[in-house]
N, C-alpha and C. Protein backbone atom coordinates (compact mmCIF):
# COMPACT_ATOMS: atom_id res chain seq x y z
N MET A 1 6.08 -36.28 6.92
CA MET A 1 7.17 -36.26 7.09
C MET A 1 7.38 -34.54 6.54
N LEU A 2 7.57 -34.78 5.19
CA LEU A 2 7.00 -33.94 4.47
C LEU A 2 5.91 -32.43 4.80
N ARG A 3 5.26 -32.86 5.22
CA ARG A 3 3.94 -31.83 5.84
C ARG A 3 5.05 -31.24 6.96
N LEU A 4 5.49 -31.97 8.13
CA LEU A 4 6.35 -31.18 9.12
C LEU A 4 7.39 -30.54 8.55
N LEU A 5 7.92 -30.89 7.49
CA LEU A 5 9.24 -30.00 6.84
C LEU A 5 8.38 -28.56 6.37
N CYS A 6 7.46 -28.69 5.58
CA CYS A 6 6.56 -27.63 5.38
C CYS A 6 6.29 -26.27 6.05
N VAL A 7 5.53 -26.98 7.49
CA VAL A 7 4.86 -26.00 8.62
C VAL A 7 6.28 -25.61 9.35
N ALA A 8 7.37 -26.21 9.14
CA ALA A 8 8.71 -25.73 9.94
C ALA A 8 9.14 -24.59 9.23
N SER A 9 9.15 -24.71 7.75
CA SER A 9 9.77 -23.63 7.36
C SER A 9 8.86 -22.48 7.22
N ALA A 10 7.52 -22.58 7.17
CA ALA A 10 6.71 -21.68 6.89
C ALA A 10 6.88 -20.75 8.16
N THR A 11 6.69 -21.39 9.09
CA THR A 11 6.94 -20.65 10.45
C THR A 11 8.49 -20.71 11.04
N LEU A 12 9.15 -20.63 10.42
CA LEU A 12 10.59 -19.95 10.70
C LEU A 12 10.86 -18.80 9.92
N LEU A 13 10.00 -18.87 8.62
CA LEU A 13 9.84 -17.43 7.74
C LEU A 13 8.83 -16.89 8.64
N LEU A 14 7.93 -16.70 8.90
CA LEU A 14 6.75 -16.13 9.58
C LEU A 14 7.89 -15.41 10.72
N VAL A 15 8.44 -16.37 11.36
CA VAL A 15 9.12 -15.53 12.93
C VAL A 15 10.34 -14.53 12.44
N TYR A 16 11.01 -15.03 11.21
CA TYR A 16 11.84 -14.22 10.47
C TYR A 16 11.64 -12.68 10.22
N TRP A 17 10.25 -13.05 9.17
CA TRP A 17 9.93 -11.47 9.02
C TRP A 17 9.18 -10.69 10.28
N ILE A 18 8.85 -10.97 11.09
CA ILE A 18 8.13 -10.49 12.56
C ILE A 18 9.73 -10.25 12.92
N THR A 19 11.09 -10.72 13.42
CA THR A 19 11.26 -10.03 13.69
C THR A 19 12.83 -9.09 12.99
N LEU A 20 12.35 -9.28 11.76
CA LEU A 20 12.92 -7.96 11.25
C LEU A 20 12.06 -6.34 11.27
N ALA A 21 10.84 -7.23 10.89
CA ALA A 21 10.00 -5.81 11.25
C ALA A 21 10.05 -5.19 12.60
N ILE A 22 10.39 -5.84 13.77
CA ILE A 22 10.50 -5.55 14.83
C ILE A 22 12.13 -4.85 14.74
N TYR A 23 13.20 -5.01 14.30
CA TYR A 23 14.59 -4.80 14.53
C TYR A 23 14.09 -3.33 13.66
N ARG A 24 13.68 -3.32 12.48
CA ARG A 24 13.61 -1.93 11.63
C ARG A 24 12.80 -0.88 12.60
N LEU A 25 11.74 -1.32 13.58
CA LEU A 25 10.73 -0.44 13.73
C LEU A 25 11.74 0.51 15.01
N TRP A 26 12.56 -0.36 15.78
CA TRP A 26 12.78 -0.09 17.34
C TRP A 26 14.70 -0.08 17.60
N PHE A 27 15.19 -0.75 16.72
CA PHE A 27 16.65 -1.15 17.09
C PHE A 27 17.27 -0.76 15.61
N HIS A 28 17.08 -0.21 14.61
CA HIS A 28 17.97 0.21 13.42
C HIS A 28 18.06 1.31 14.04
N PRO A 29 19.33 1.85 12.95
CA PRO A 29 19.78 3.01 13.31
C PRO A 29 19.07 4.29 12.76
N LEU A 30 18.33 4.01 11.63
CA LEU A 30 17.43 5.00 11.43
C LEU A 30 15.87 4.95 12.03
N ALA A 31 15.62 4.25 13.02
CA ALA A 31 14.28 4.19 13.43
C ALA A 31 13.51 5.42 14.51
N LYS A 32 14.50 6.16 14.82
CA LYS A 32 14.35 7.44 15.08
C LYS A 32 13.52 8.36 14.55
N TYR A 33 13.89 8.43 13.17
CA TYR A 33 13.15 9.15 12.29
C TYR A 33 11.76 8.70 11.67
N PRO A 34 10.89 9.77 11.45
CA PRO A 34 9.40 9.15 11.15
C PRO A 34 9.05 9.02 9.70
N GLY A 35 8.39 8.44 9.52
CA GLY A 35 8.27 7.93 8.18
C GLY A 35 6.70 7.19 8.45
N PRO A 36 6.12 6.48 6.82
CA PRO A 36 5.27 5.76 6.98
C PRO A 36 5.34 4.46 7.29
N PHE A 37 4.15 3.99 8.10
CA PHE A 37 4.79 2.70 8.54
C PHE A 37 5.00 1.72 7.59
N LEU A 38 4.35 1.37 6.89
CA LEU A 38 4.68 0.38 5.68
C LEU A 38 5.97 0.61 4.98
N ALA A 39 6.74 1.54 4.88
CA ALA A 39 7.72 2.18 4.46
C ALA A 39 9.35 2.06 5.39
N ARG A 40 8.63 1.88 6.99
CA ARG A 40 9.51 1.83 8.02
C ARG A 40 10.00 0.03 7.86
N ILE A 41 8.78 -1.12 7.57
CA ILE A 41 8.89 -2.19 7.62
C ILE A 41 9.38 -2.67 6.33
N THR A 42 9.11 -2.24 4.91
CA THR A 42 9.40 -3.05 3.98
C THR A 42 9.86 -2.40 3.02
N PRO A 43 10.42 -2.78 2.28
CA PRO A 43 10.76 -2.13 0.94
C PRO A 43 10.03 -2.23 0.32
N VAL A 44 8.67 -2.66 0.24
CA VAL A 44 7.58 -2.65 -0.92
C VAL A 44 6.97 -1.05 -1.32
N TYR A 45 7.33 -0.20 -0.33
CA TYR A 45 6.36 0.85 -0.37
C TYR A 45 7.43 2.08 -1.33
N ALA A 46 8.81 1.55 -1.80
CA ALA A 46 9.69 2.38 -2.99
C ALA A 46 9.10 1.49 -3.87
N LEU A 47 8.70 0.24 -4.60
CA LEU A 47 8.95 -0.47 -5.56
C LEU A 47 8.11 0.45 -6.93
N PRO A 48 6.55 1.18 -6.82
CA PRO A 48 6.71 2.29 -7.45
C PRO A 48 6.72 3.11 -7.92
N ILE A 49 8.14 3.24 -7.07
CA ILE A 49 9.17 4.58 -7.26
C ILE A 49 10.09 4.30 -8.15
N GLU A 50 10.42 3.04 -7.84
CA GLU A 50 11.69 2.35 -8.56
C GLU A 50 11.36 2.05 -10.12
N ARG A 51 10.29 1.95 -10.17
CA ARG A 51 9.96 1.01 -11.43
C ARG A 51 10.15 2.30 -12.91
N PHE A 52 9.78 3.62 -12.71
CA PHE A 52 9.88 4.39 -13.56
C PHE A 52 11.35 4.99 -13.59
C-alpha cells in the first residue's frame, strides 16, 4: 500500500511539473516575450542573481 502511495505521489508531482511548464511556455501572459528556455519554465535561472 505504501509503495502504491509513493508511486501515485511521484506521478502526481511529475504531472504537476509538466502541466506548469506547458502553462508557462504557451499560456502565460508573458509567454510571448522571448527569453532563455530555463528561465521561461523555472525560477532556478534567477537563484544565483538573488543570492547576492
